[in-house]
Amino acid sequence: METVVLQVDGMSCTGCEQRIGTVLRRAEGVRGVVADHVCGRVEVRIGPELVDRAELAERIEAAGYRVVEVPTP
């Protein structure tokens, strides 16, 4: 299992954390999501089928937030 860390702007409450978690958990291969609106950080645990990092960023942005950086593998 691998963890992808994304810096995200626009999260202001626990509702934002839940929304991002819901959106990301719908992606095949995502095993868990921890979002922290205070730090603006989202950790995504992905399984062996490895979700594309760009897809994670696109899903977050489609939900109305902005991904500041997408770390490379």
C-alpha atoms as a PDB file:
ATOM      1  CA  MET A   1       0.000   0.000   0.000  1.00  0.00           C
ATOM      2  CA  GLU A   2       1.229   3.488  -0.834  1.00  0.00           C
ATOM      3  CA  THR A   3       0.287   6.880   0.614  1.00  0.00           C
ATOM      4  CA  VAL A   4      -0.068   9.936  -1.615  1.00  0.00           C
ATOM      5  CA  VAL A   5       0.035  13.344   0.097  1.00  0.00           C
ATOM      6  CA  LEU A   6      -1.600  16.339  -1.558  1.00  0.00           C
ATOM      7  CA  GLN A   7      -1.650  19.977  -0.452  1.00  0.00           C
ATOM      8  CA  VAL A   8      -5.165  21.350  -1.017  1.00  0.00           C
ATOM      9  CA  ASP A   9      -6.498  24.924  -0.799  1.00  0.00           C
ATOM     10  CA  GLY A  10     -10.114  25.753  -0.065  1.00  0.00           C
ATOM     11  CA  MET A  11     -10.923  23.370   2.780  1.00  0.00           C
ATOM     12  CA  SER A  12     -12.382  25.356   5.672  1.00  0.00           C
ATOM     13  CA  CYS A  13     -14.233  22.836   7.845  1.00  0.00           C
ATOM     14  CA  THR A  14     -14.843  19.181   8.622  1.00  0.00           C
ATOM     15  CA  GLY A  15     -17.581  19.166   5.990  1.00  0.00           C
ATOM     16  CA  CYS A  16     -14.915  19.928   3.386  1.00  0.00           C
ATOM     17  CA  GLU A  17     -12.831  17.041   4.716  1.00  0.00           C
ATOM     18  CA  GLN A  18     -15.810  14.702   4.408  1.00  0.00           C
ATOM     19  CA  ARG A  19     -16.637  15.880   0.887  1.00  0.00           C
ATOM     20  CA  ILE A  20     -13.084  15.279  -0.331  1.00  0.00           C
ATOM     21  CA  GLY A  21     -13.038  11.893   1.390  1.00  0.00           C
ATOM     22  CA  THR A  22     -16.278  10.865  -0.286  1.00  0.00           C
ATOM     23  CA  VAL A  23     -15.100  11.980  -3.734  1.00  0.00           C
ATOM     24  CA  LEU A  24     -11.745  10.218  -3.458  1.00  0.00           C
ATOM     25  CA  ARG A  25     -13.107   6.974  -2.005  1.00  0.00           C
ATOM     26  CA  ARG A  26     -15.145   6.543  -5.196  1.00  0.00           C
ATOM     27  CA  ALA A  27     -11.929   6.124  -7.199  1.00  0.00           C
ATOM     28  CA  GLU A  28     -10.970   2.522  -7.790  1.00  0.00           C
ATOM     29  CA  GLY A  29      -7.870   1.604  -5.794  1.00  0.00           C
ATOM     30  CA  VAL A  30      -8.356   4.127  -2.976  1.00  0.00           C
ATOM     31  CA  ARG A  31      -8.183   2.331   0.374  1.00  0.00           C
ATOM     32  CA  GLY A  32      -8.460   5.296   2.729  1.00  0.00           C
ATOM     33  CA  VAL A  33      -8.473   9.081   2.934  1.00  0.00           C
ATOM     34  CA  VAL A  34      -7.459  11.423   5.743  1.00  0.00           C
ATOM     35  CA  ALA A  35      -8.144  15.104   5.056  1.00  0.00           C
ATOM     36  CA  ASP A  36      -7.122  17.903   7.434  1.00  0.00           C
ATOM     37  CA  HIS A  37      -8.623  21.318   6.701  1.00  0.00           C
ATOM     38  CA  VAL A  38      -6.400  23.066   9.252  1.00  0.00           C
ATOM     39  CA  CYS A  39      -3.193  21.944   7.517  1.00  0.00           C
ATOM     40  CA  GLY A  40      -4.725  21.849   4.032  1.00  0.00           C
ATOM     41  CA  ARG A  41      -3.414  18.327   3.627  1.00  0.00           C
ATOM     42  CA  VAL A  42      -4.987  15.194   2.178  1.00  0.00           C
ATOM     43  CA  GLU A  43      -3.422  11.749   2.577  1.00  0.00           C
ATOM     44  CA  VAL A  44      -4.722   9.052   0.262  1.00  0.00           C
ATOM     45  CA  ARG A  45      -3.882   5.390   0.817  1.00  0.00           C
ATOM     46  CA  ILE A  46      -3.943   3.483  -2.435  1.00  0.00           C
ATOM     47  CA  GLY A  47      -3.816  -0.228  -3.064  1.00  0.00           C
ATOM     48  CA  PRO A  48      -1.735  -2.279  -5.437  1.00  0.00           C
ATOM     49  CA  GLU A  49      -3.706  -1.121  -8.487  1.00  0.00           C
ATOM     50  CA  LEU A  50      -2.267   2.381  -7.865  1.00  0.00           C
ATOM     51  CA  VAL A  51      -4.620   5.186  -8.767  1.00  0.00           C
ATOM     52  CA  ASP A  52      -3.180   7.863 -11.036  1.00  0.00           C
ATOM     53  CA  ARG A  53      -2.200  10.928  -8.988  1.00  0.00           C
ATOM     54  CA  ALA A  54      -3.556  13.234 -11.691  1.00  0.00           C
ATOM     55  CA  GLU A  55      -6.956  11.545 -11.329  1.00  0.00           C
ATOM     56  CA  LEU A  56      -6.935  12.232  -7.583  1.00  0.00           C
ATOM     57  CA  ALA A  57      -6.161  15.905  -8.239  1.00  0.00           C
ATOM     58  CA  GLU A  58      -8.890  16.134 -10.893  1.00  0.00           C
ATOM     59  CA  ARG A  59     -11.472  14.660  -8.508  1.00  0.00           C
ATOM     60  CA  ILE A  60     -10.522  17.134  -5.768  1.00  0.00           C
ATOM     61  CA  GLU A  61     -10.699  20.075  -8.171  1.00  0.00           C
ATOM     62  CA  ALA A  62     -14.047  18.893  -9.570  1.00  0.00           C
ATOM     63  CA  ALA A  63     -15.341  19.037  -5.975  1.00  0.00           C
ATOM     64  CA  GLY A  64     -14.418  22.734  -5.819  1.00  0.00           C
ATOM     65  CA  TYR A  65     -10.982  22.715  -4.190  1.00  0.00           C
ATOM     66  CA  ARG A  66      -7.520  23.503  -5.565  1.00  0.00           C
ATOM     67  CA  VAL A  67      -4.601  21.096  -5.442  1.00  0.00           C
ATOM     68  CA  VAL A  68      -1.463  23.134  -4.761  1.00  0.00           C
ATOM     69  CA  GLU A  69       1.045  20.388  -5.439  1.00  0.00           C
ATOM     70  CA  VAL A  70       1.016  16.802  -6.576  1.00  0.00           C
ATOM     71  CA  PRO A  71       4.157  15.023  -5.354  1.00  0.00           C
ATOM     72  CA  THR A  72       5.812  12.736  -7.848  1.00  0.00           C
ATOM     73  CA  PRO A  73       6.163   9.026  -7.106  1.00  0.00           C
END
